[in-house]
Amino acid sequence: MTDTRPTDRPHVAIIGGGPAGLMAAEVLSQAGVAVELYDAMPSVGRKFLLAGVGGMNITHSEPYPAFIARYAERTDEVARLLEGFDADVLRQWIHDLGIETFVGSSGRVFPRDMKAAPLLRAWLKRLRDAGVVIHTRHRWLGWNAEGALRIAYPQGELALKPTATVLALGGGSWARLGSDAAWLPWLQAQGVQIAPLQAANSGFEVEGWSAVLKDKFAGAPLKNIALSLEGHAPRLGECVLTAQGLEGSLVYAWSAQIREAINRDGSARVLIDLLPNRPVDKIQQALAKQRGSRSMAKHLHSQLGLDGVKAALLREQTDQQTFADPALLAQAIKALPVTLVRPRPLDEAISSAGGVTFEALDERLMLKQMPGVFCAGEMLDWEAPTGGYLLTACFASGRKAGLGLLEWLKA
């Protein structure tokens, strides 16, 4: 079936109903462009809603220089996306939808009720009021021989030839929510430069914990610790010991560096400070005290408050000689080495690194190889830690693509 809609005004197809696609739809519809959005899932914003299950962290309040540095080697490119739509503007945009926000103790910004659903409902109402038509259960299948978009839907297949197209298809994580990277071969076939997709904000595996550690402590949080890679300053926070290795916010903060070390060297050695608020000499003094008939486990607990999963991990990663020497044990407590050998599978990651490179796009986010086709969101080659940075750049890139498309239409 071929698209036969009237062409008295520009008609844009947006593929993907996440934050980037919805933001592009908002920019275009407000400018009077006819917009139809297609999403393969039964409803839009599914990954956005999942991100809000534990509290919708929408952005971060830290000063802009620190904020933009979170995007690492893509700082310059993401800075261009955030022009006119940084964290402060995003927060005001949310307020304009009737959703109040607040800044948490960590500096993260949340909706007042901590939920994503009310924000999404208000946004979708505004989009529909602006004339945006949303088609769910409509999956993009690339292009046909005539260059038309192939859209499969329950009753068959459409062949669409819009004036322009915005691709906002997500990365390669959480395929069950729609981010399945099915777009990769179709863009590669068009000669588009794409960096390999890799897990970002993911857990990492060790070669193998002991059965005792896995059985007793898998899933236990390691709280109030510091973690670093050799040659880097430690970061405070917490993570979780899993049956396979380590995951959680502190590990995610180091995700890119750990992954690159594994790619380069085959493994990454991280150092865990189990007692970051105590200097090594004070720890050594406490350990050197006579323990009498008490076990070492009780001695660690009474002198340092070190027990549970922390004590178990310390035992797992050290030997008898270390445990018998207060100086060596104090050093181990302050810099316990753990070797990580691989990231968890991409589909388990919170986000993905890699994707359509910025070098494949012009300054409007239009593919150089394919005039009239724009890209936005997580399918672009950038990454960021959790904390609101991912969502902020997704929103901003959708806006940038929408504005770029308007500029292209005028030209």
Protein backbone atom coordinates (compact mmCIF):
# COMPACT_ATOMS: atom_id res chain seq x y z
CA MET A 1 0.00 0.00 0.00
CA THR A 2 1.45 3.38 -0.98
CA ASP A 3 1.00 6.59 1.01
CA THR A 4 -1.45 8.85 -0.83
CA ARG A 5 -1.90 11.72 1.63
CA PRO A 6 -2.18 15.26 0.21
CA THR A 7 1.10 17.15 -0.11
CA ASP A 8 -0.09 20.75 0.27
CA ARG A 9 2.30 21.19 3.20
CA PRO A 10 5.50 19.40 4.24
CA HIS A 11 4.84 15.97 5.73
CA VAL A 12 7.42 14.47 8.06
CA ALA A 13 7.63 10.88 9.27
CA ILE A 14 9.26 10.31 12.64
CA ILE A 15 10.36 6.77 13.38
CA GLY A 16 10.58 6.11 17.11
CA GLY A 17 8.42 7.32 20.00
CA GLY A 18 10.99 7.90 22.72
CA PRO A 19 11.99 11.33 24.10
CA ALA A 20 14.05 12.26 21.01
CA GLY A 21 11.30 11.39 18.53
CA LEU A 22 8.59 13.05 20.58
CA MET A 23 10.67 16.23 20.97
CA ALA A 24 11.30 16.38 17.22
CA ALA A 25 7.54 15.99 16.72
CA GLU A 26 6.88 18.89 19.07
CA VAL A 27 9.30 21.25 17.32
CA LEU A 28 7.96 20.39 13.85
CA SER A 29 4.26 20.44 14.70
CA GLN A 30 4.55 23.80 16.42
CA ALA A 31 6.06 25.14 13.18
CA GLY A 32 3.03 23.97 11.20
CA VAL A 33 4.56 20.84 9.70
CA ALA A 34 2.33 17.77 9.35
CA VAL A 35 3.88 15.10 11.54
CA GLU A 36 3.14 11.39 11.75
CA LEU A 37 5.09 9.35 14.26
CA TYR A 38 5.53 5.59 13.96
CA ASP A 39 6.55 3.26 16.78
CA ALA A 40 6.84 -0.52 16.72
CA MET A 41 5.60 -0.99 20.27
CA PRO A 42 1.98 -0.97 21.50
CA SER A 43 2.58 2.44 23.13
CA VAL A 44 5.23 5.15 22.95
CA GLY A 45 7.82 6.06 25.58
CA ARG A 46 8.17 2.56 27.02
CA LYS A 47 11.85 2.84 27.95
CA PHE A 48 11.18 6.34 29.28
CA LEU A 49 8.47 4.93 31.56
CA LEU A 50 10.73 2.11 32.74
CA ALA A 51 13.42 4.65 33.62
CA GLY A 52 10.88 6.30 35.89
CA VAL A 53 9.96 3.18 37.85
CA GLY A 54 12.48 3.91 40.60
CA GLY A 55 11.99 7.69 40.44
CA MET A 56 12.05 9.74 37.25
CA ASN A 57 15.54 11.30 37.18
CA ILE A 58 14.98 13.79 34.37
CA THR A 59 18.23 15.80 34.45
CA HIS A 60 20.95 17.11 36.80
CA SER A 61 21.44 20.46 38.50
CA GLU A 62 25.23 20.60 38.62
CA PRO A 63 27.00 23.61 37.00
CA TYR A 64 27.21 23.45 33.22
CA PRO A 65 31.00 22.88 32.93
CA ALA A 66 30.75 19.78 35.12
CA PHE A 67 27.51 18.72 33.41
CA ILE A 68 28.83 18.84 29.87
CA ALA A 69 32.07 17.08 30.86
CA ARG A 70 29.99 13.96 31.59
CA TYR A 71 29.83 13.31 27.86
CA ALA A 72 33.59 12.65 27.74
CA GLU A 73 35.03 12.51 24.22
CA ARG A 74 31.74 13.71 22.71
CA THR A 75 31.59 16.82 24.91
CA ASP A 76 31.88 19.22 21.97
CA GLU A 77 29.20 17.47 19.92
CA VAL A 78 26.72 17.21 22.80
CA ALA A 79 27.41 20.85 23.73
CA ARG A 80 26.07 21.80 20.29
CA LEU A 81 22.94 19.73 20.96
CA LEU A 82 22.39 21.49 24.28
CA GLU A 83 22.60 24.99 22.79
CA GLY A 84 19.29 26.59 23.74
CA PHE A 85 18.08 23.49 25.57
CA ASP A 86 20.33 22.73 28.53
CA ALA A 87 19.27 21.23 31.86
CA ASP A 88 17.71 24.48 33.09
CA VAL A 89 15.65 24.94 29.93
CA LEU A 90 14.56 21.30 30.03
CA ARG A 91 13.39 21.77 33.59
CA GLN A 92 11.35 24.84 32.60
CA TRP A 93 9.90 22.89 29.67
CA ILE A 94 8.67 20.27 32.16
CA HIS A 95 7.16 23.00 34.33
CA ASP A 96 5.30 24.31 31.27
CA LEU A 97 3.66 20.89 30.99
CA GLY A 98 2.28 21.41 34.49
CA ILE A 99 4.78 19.09 36.17
CA GLU A 100 6.75 20.52 39.09
CA THR A 101 10.31 19.37 39.75
CA PHE A 102 12.72 19.35 42.67
CA VAL A 103 16.45 18.86 43.17
CA GLY A 104 17.41 15.84 45.27
CA SER A 105 20.28 15.68 47.73
CA SER A 106 22.56 14.28 44.99
CA GLY A 107 21.80 17.19 42.67
CA ARG A 108 19.58 15.06 40.46
CA VAL A 109 16.32 16.59 39.25
CA PHE A 110 13.02 14.72 39.63
CA PRO A 111 9.34 15.40 38.97
CA ARG A 112 7.63 16.28 42.24
CA ASP A 113 5.73 12.98 42.32
CA MET A 114 8.81 11.01 41.12
CA LYS A 115 6.78 9.47 38.27
CA ALA A 116 7.25 9.47 34.50
CA ALA A 117 3.67 8.63 33.49
CA PRO A 118 2.03 12.01 34.32
CA LEU A 119 4.75 13.85 32.38
CA LEU A 120 4.33 11.58 29.36
CA ARG A 121 0.54 11.90 29.43
CA ALA A 122 0.69 15.69 29.53
CA TRP A 123 3.24 15.73 26.71
CA LEU A 124 1.26 13.38 24.49
CA LYS A 125 -1.86 15.50 24.96
CA ARG A 126 0.05 18.58 23.85
CA LEU A 127 1.40 16.76 20.81
CA ARG A 128 -2.01 15.47 19.77
CA ASP A 129 -3.52 18.91 20.28
CA ALA A 130 -0.84 20.22 17.90
CA GLY A 131 -1.93 17.71 15.26
CA VAL A 132 0.74 15.04 15.68
CA VAL A 133 -0.61 11.65 14.57
CA ILE A 134 0.89 8.72 16.46
CA HIS A 135 0.82 5.21 14.98
CA THR A 136 1.74 2.37 17.35
CA ARG A 137 2.45 -1.22 16.30
CA HIS A 138 3.99 0.23 13.13
CA ARG A 139 7.52 -1.10 12.61
CA TRP A 140 9.98 0.49 10.21
CA LEU A 141 11.66 -2.03 7.90
CA GLY A 142 14.09 0.21 6.03
CA TRP A 143 13.58 1.44 2.46
CA ASN A 144 12.22 -0.29 -0.61
CA ALA A 145 13.74 -0.20 -4.10
CA GLU A 146 11.97 3.09 -4.87
CA GLY A 147 13.35 4.77 -1.74
CA ALA A 148 10.06 4.70 0.18
CA LEU A 149 9.90 3.90 3.87
CA ARG A 150 8.63 0.39 4.53
CA ILE A 151 6.27 0.34 7.52
CA ALA A 152 4.82 -2.97 8.69
CA TYR A 153 1.60 -2.83 10.68
CA PRO A 154 -0.97 -5.44 11.74
CA GLN A 155 -2.95 -5.19 8.49
CA GLY A 156 0.00 -5.28 6.10
CA GLU A 157 2.73 -2.91 4.94
CA LEU A 158 2.85 0.77 3.96
CA ALA A 159 5.26 2.43 1.55
CA LEU A 160 5.68 6.05 2.62
CA LYS A 161 7.41 8.89 0.80
CA PRO A 162 7.40 11.78 3.29
CA THR A 163 9.04 15.13 2.60
CA ALA A 164 11.62 14.27 5.27
CA THR A 165 12.24 11.64 7.93
CA VAL A 166 13.54 11.72 11.49
CA LEU A 167 15.03 8.47 12.78
CA ALA A 168 14.97 8.29 16.59
CA LEU A 169 15.27 4.56 17.08
CA GLY A 170 17.30 4.22 20.26
CA GLY A 171 20.42 2.15 20.76
CA GLY A 172 20.84 -1.56 21.30
CA SER A 173 19.81 -2.05 24.92
CA TRP A 174 16.43 -3.24 26.21
CA ALA A 175 15.18 -4.80 22.97
CA ARG A 176 11.93 -5.78 24.67
CA LEU A 177 11.13 -2.07 25.01
CA GLY A 178 11.90 -1.31 21.38
CA SER A 179 15.63 -0.44 21.37
CA ASP A 180 16.76 -3.44 19.35
CA ALA A 181 19.18 -1.79 16.87
CA ALA A 182 17.35 -3.40 13.95
CA TRP A 183 18.16 -0.21 12.01
CA LEU A 184 21.89 -1.00 11.84
CA PRO A 185 22.01 -3.01 8.58
CA TRP A 186 19.64 -0.64 6.76
CA LEU A 187 21.81 2.40 7.45
CA GLN A 188 25.02 0.49 6.83
CA ALA A 189 23.64 -0.54 3.43
CA GLN A 190 23.30 3.18 2.63
CA GLY A 191 26.97 3.75 3.46
CA VAL A 192 26.31 5.53 6.77
CA GLN A 193 29.28 5.50 9.15
CA ILE A 194 28.33 3.69 12.36
CA ALA A 195 30.49 3.03 15.41
CA PRO A 196 29.97 -0.47 16.86
CA LEU A 197 27.33 -0.64 19.59
CA GLN A 198 28.68 -1.51 23.04
CA ALA A 199 27.18 -1.78 26.50
CA ALA A 200 27.17 1.48 28.49
CA ASN A 201 26.07 1.93 32.09
CA SER A 202 26.34 -1.82 32.46
CA GLY A 203 27.49 -4.32 35.01
CA PHE A 204 30.74 -6.21 34.56
CA GLU A 205 31.75 -9.79 35.18
CA VAL A 206 34.65 -11.30 37.10
CA GLU A 207 36.23 -14.60 36.12
CA GLY A 208 34.20 -16.27 38.84
CA TRP A 209 33.26 -15.60 42.45
CA SER A 210 33.46 -18.49 44.91
CA ALA A 211 30.26 -20.44 45.54
CA VAL A 212 30.22 -19.16 49.13
CA LEU A 213 30.32 -15.51 48.07
CA LYS A 214 27.63 -15.99 45.39
CA ASP A 215 25.31 -18.03 47.59
CA LYS A 216 25.45 -15.69 50.58
CA PHE A 217 25.98 -12.23 49.10
CA ALA A 218 24.80 -12.05 45.47
CA GLY A 219 22.53 -9.00 45.32
CA ALA A 220 24.01 -7.37 48.43
CA PRO A 221 24.82 -3.64 48.18
CA LEU A 222 28.35 -2.40 48.82
CA LYS A 223 27.55 0.94 50.44
CA ASN A 224 29.82 3.86 51.32
CA ILE A 225 32.78 2.72 49.26
CA ALA A 226 35.09 4.34 46.72
CA LEU A 227 36.04 2.81 43.40
CA SER A 228 38.77 3.72 40.97
CA LEU A 229 40.85 2.50 38.09
CA GLU A 230 44.58 2.69 38.52
CA GLY A 231 45.78 6.14 37.57
CA HIS A 232 42.39 7.76 38.24
CA ALA A 233 41.05 9.50 41.33
CA PRO A 234 38.49 7.39 43.25
CA ARG A 235 34.77 8.15 43.22
CA LEU A 236 32.51 7.68 46.21
CA GLY A 237 29.21 5.83 46.03
CA GLU A 238 27.79 2.35 46.11
CA CYS A 239 27.37 -0.67 43.88
CA VAL A 240 25.99 -4.19 44.06
CA LEU A 241 27.79 -7.52 44.18
CA THR A 242 26.11 -9.88 41.72
CA ALA A 243 26.52 -13.58 41.01
CA GLN A 244 28.56 -12.58 37.94
CA GLY A 245 30.51 -9.55 39.22
CA LEU A 246 29.61 -5.94 40.02
CA GLU A 247 26.94 -3.50 38.89
CA GLY A 248 25.20 -0.36 40.15
CA SER A 249 25.64 3.40 40.01
CA LEU A 250 29.30 3.52 41.04
CA VAL A 251 30.25 0.91 38.44
CA TYR A 252 28.15 2.69 35.81
CA ALA A 253 30.07 5.91 36.51
CA TRP A 254 33.26 4.09 35.43
CA SER A 255 31.56 2.08 32.68
CA ALA A 256 33.26 3.70 29.69
CA GLN A 257 36.76 3.52 31.20
CA ILE A 258 36.30 -0.08 32.34
CA ARG A 259 34.98 -1.13 28.94
CA GLU A 260 37.82 0.57 27.08
CA ALA A 261 40.40 -1.05 29.36
CA ILE A 262 38.87 -4.46 28.66
CA ASN A 263 38.84 -3.75 24.92
CA ARG A 264 42.49 -2.70 25.08
CA ASP A 265 43.98 -5.13 27.61
CA GLY A 266 41.50 -7.98 27.94
CA SER A 267 40.56 -7.05 31.50
CA ALA A 268 40.24 -4.07 33.82
CA ARG A 269 41.58 -3.93 37.36
CA VAL A 270 39.49 -1.75 39.65
CA LEU A 271 40.40 -0.80 43.21
CA ILE A 272 37.74 -0.70 45.93
CA ASP A 273 38.22 1.34 49.09
CA LEU A 274 36.00 -0.38 51.64
CA LEU A 275 36.48 2.37 54.25
CA PRO A 276 36.99 5.62 52.33
CA ASN A 277 36.56 7.81 55.41
CA ARG A 278 39.39 6.17 57.36
CA PRO A 279 43.09 6.68 56.56
CA VAL A 280 45.24 3.61 56.11
CA ASP A 281 47.37 4.27 59.21
CA LYS A 282 44.31 4.40 61.48
CA ILE A 283 43.04 1.16 59.98
CA GLN A 284 46.41 -0.49 60.56
CA GLN A 285 46.46 0.68 64.17
CA ALA A 286 43.01 -0.77 64.77
CA LEU A 287 43.95 -4.09 63.20
CA ALA A 288 47.16 -4.33 65.22
CA LYS A 289 45.26 -4.35 68.52
CA GLN A 290 45.20 -7.65 70.37
CA ARG A 291 42.17 -9.72 69.47
CA GLY A 292 42.69 -12.53 71.93
CA SER A 293 40.45 -15.47 71.24
CA ARG A 294 38.18 -13.54 68.91
CA SER A 295 38.05 -14.56 65.25
CA MET A 296 39.36 -12.20 62.60
CA ALA A 297 35.79 -11.67 61.43
CA LYS A 298 34.79 -10.43 64.89
CA HIS A 299 37.97 -8.37 65.13
CA LEU A 300 37.17 -6.61 61.82
CA HIS A 301 33.67 -5.94 63.03
CA SER A 302 34.60 -4.63 66.48
CA GLN A 303 37.55 -2.49 65.38
CA LEU A 304 36.39 -1.24 61.99
CA GLY A 305 32.72 -2.05 61.65
CA LEU A 306 33.66 -4.17 58.65
CA ASP A 307 31.33 -7.11 58.19
CA GLY A 308 28.75 -8.62 55.87
CA VAL A 309 29.41 -8.33 52.16
CA LYS A 310 32.41 -6.03 52.65
CA ALA A 311 34.18 -8.53 54.90
CA ALA A 312 33.25 -11.38 52.54
CA LEU A 313 34.64 -9.54 49.53
CA LEU A 314 37.81 -8.72 51.45
CA ARG A 315 38.24 -12.40 52.27
CA GLU A 316 37.47 -13.38 48.67
CA GLN A 317 40.15 -11.12 47.19
CA THR A 318 42.99 -11.67 49.66
CA ASP A 319 45.05 -14.58 50.95
CA GLN A 320 46.01 -15.91 54.38
CA GLN A 321 49.31 -14.02 54.40
CA THR A 322 47.51 -10.72 53.91
CA PHE A 323 45.01 -11.47 56.65
CA ALA A 324 47.83 -12.25 59.09
CA ASP A 325 49.62 -8.94 58.51
CA PRO A 326 47.87 -5.75 59.76
CA ALA A 327 49.83 -3.57 57.34
CA LEU A 328 48.98 -5.67 54.29
CA LEU A 329 45.36 -6.05 55.37
CA ALA A 330 45.00 -2.30 55.88
CA GLN A 331 46.34 -1.72 52.37
CA ALA A 332 43.88 -4.27 50.99
CA ILE A 333 40.95 -2.59 52.75
CA LYS A 334 41.93 0.73 51.18
CA ALA A 335 42.66 -0.63 47.69
CA LEU A 336 41.08 -4.04 47.19
CA PRO A 337 41.78 -5.18 43.61
CA VAL A 338 38.99 -6.77 41.57
CA THR A 339 39.60 -7.83 37.98
CA LEU A 340 36.68 -7.36 35.60
CA VAL A 341 36.82 -9.37 32.38
CA ARG A 342 33.74 -8.46 30.33
CA PRO A 343 30.62 -6.30 30.39
CA ARG A 344 27.23 -7.87 30.84
CA PRO A 345 25.31 -8.43 27.58
CA LEU A 346 24.33 -5.30 25.65
CA ASP A 347 20.61 -5.99 26.02
CA GLU A 348 20.98 -5.79 29.82
CA ALA A 349 22.76 -2.43 29.75
CA ILE A 350 20.94 0.76 30.68
CA SER A 351 22.18 2.37 27.49
CA SER A 352 24.57 1.76 24.61
CA ALA A 353 27.66 3.46 23.30
CA GLY A 354 28.34 3.73 19.59
CA GLY A 355 25.86 4.34 16.79
CA VAL A 356 25.59 6.83 13.94
CA THR A 357 28.73 8.93 14.14
CA PHE A 358 28.57 12.71 14.22
CA GLU A 359 30.96 12.66 11.28
CA ALA A 360 28.16 11.04 9.23
CA LEU A 361 25.86 13.98 10.02
CA ASP A 362 25.86 17.63 9.10
CA GLU A 363 25.35 20.38 11.68
CA ARG A 364 21.57 19.89 11.42
CA LEU A 365 21.82 16.15 12.30
CA MET A 366 20.98 15.23 8.70
CA LEU A 367 22.75 12.24 7.20
CA LYS A 368 25.26 13.43 4.61
CA GLN A 369 24.63 10.26 2.61
CA MET A 370 20.84 10.70 2.69
CA PRO A 371 19.46 14.25 2.30
CA GLY A 372 16.17 14.65 4.13
CA VAL A 373 16.93 11.91 6.70
CA PHE A 374 17.78 13.12 10.20
CA CYS A 375 18.93 11.15 13.26
CA ALA A 376 18.47 11.83 16.97
CA GLY A 377 18.63 10.27 20.40
CA GLU A 378 20.54 7.27 21.64
CA MET A 379 21.17 5.91 18.14
CA LEU A 380 23.85 8.61 17.84
CA ASP A 381 27.43 7.87 18.87
CA TRP A 382 27.60 9.36 22.36
CA GLU A 383 27.26 8.07 25.90
CA ALA A 384 26.84 9.45 29.39
CA PRO A 385 26.50 8.10 32.92
CA THR A 386 23.16 7.78 34.66
CA GLY A 387 21.99 10.82 36.60
CA GLY A 388 19.77 12.56 34.04
CA TYR A 389 22.50 13.09 31.45
CA LEU A 390 21.15 10.46 29.07
CA LEU A 391 17.65 11.87 28.99
CA THR A 392 18.81 15.48 28.71
CA ALA A 393 20.86 14.76 25.59
CA CYS A 394 18.05 12.66 24.07
CA PHE A 395 15.57 15.51 24.49
CA ALA A 396 18.08 18.05 23.18
CA SER A 397 19.04 15.96 20.14
CA GLY A 398 15.38 15.54 19.17
CA ARG A 399 14.93 19.29 19.34
CA LYS A 400 18.12 19.84 17.33
CA ALA A 401 16.96 17.43 14.62
CA GLY A 402 13.56 19.13 14.47
CA LEU A 403 15.11 22.56 14.11
CA GLY A 404 17.59 21.26 11.56
CA LEU A 405 14.78 19.74 9.53
CA LEU A 406 12.88 23.05 9.55
CA GLU A 407 16.01 24.82 8.33
CA TRP A 408 16.43 22.24 5.56
CA LEU A 409 12.80 22.65 4.48
CA LYS A 410 13.24 26.42 4.21
CA ALA A 411 16.39 26.01 2.18
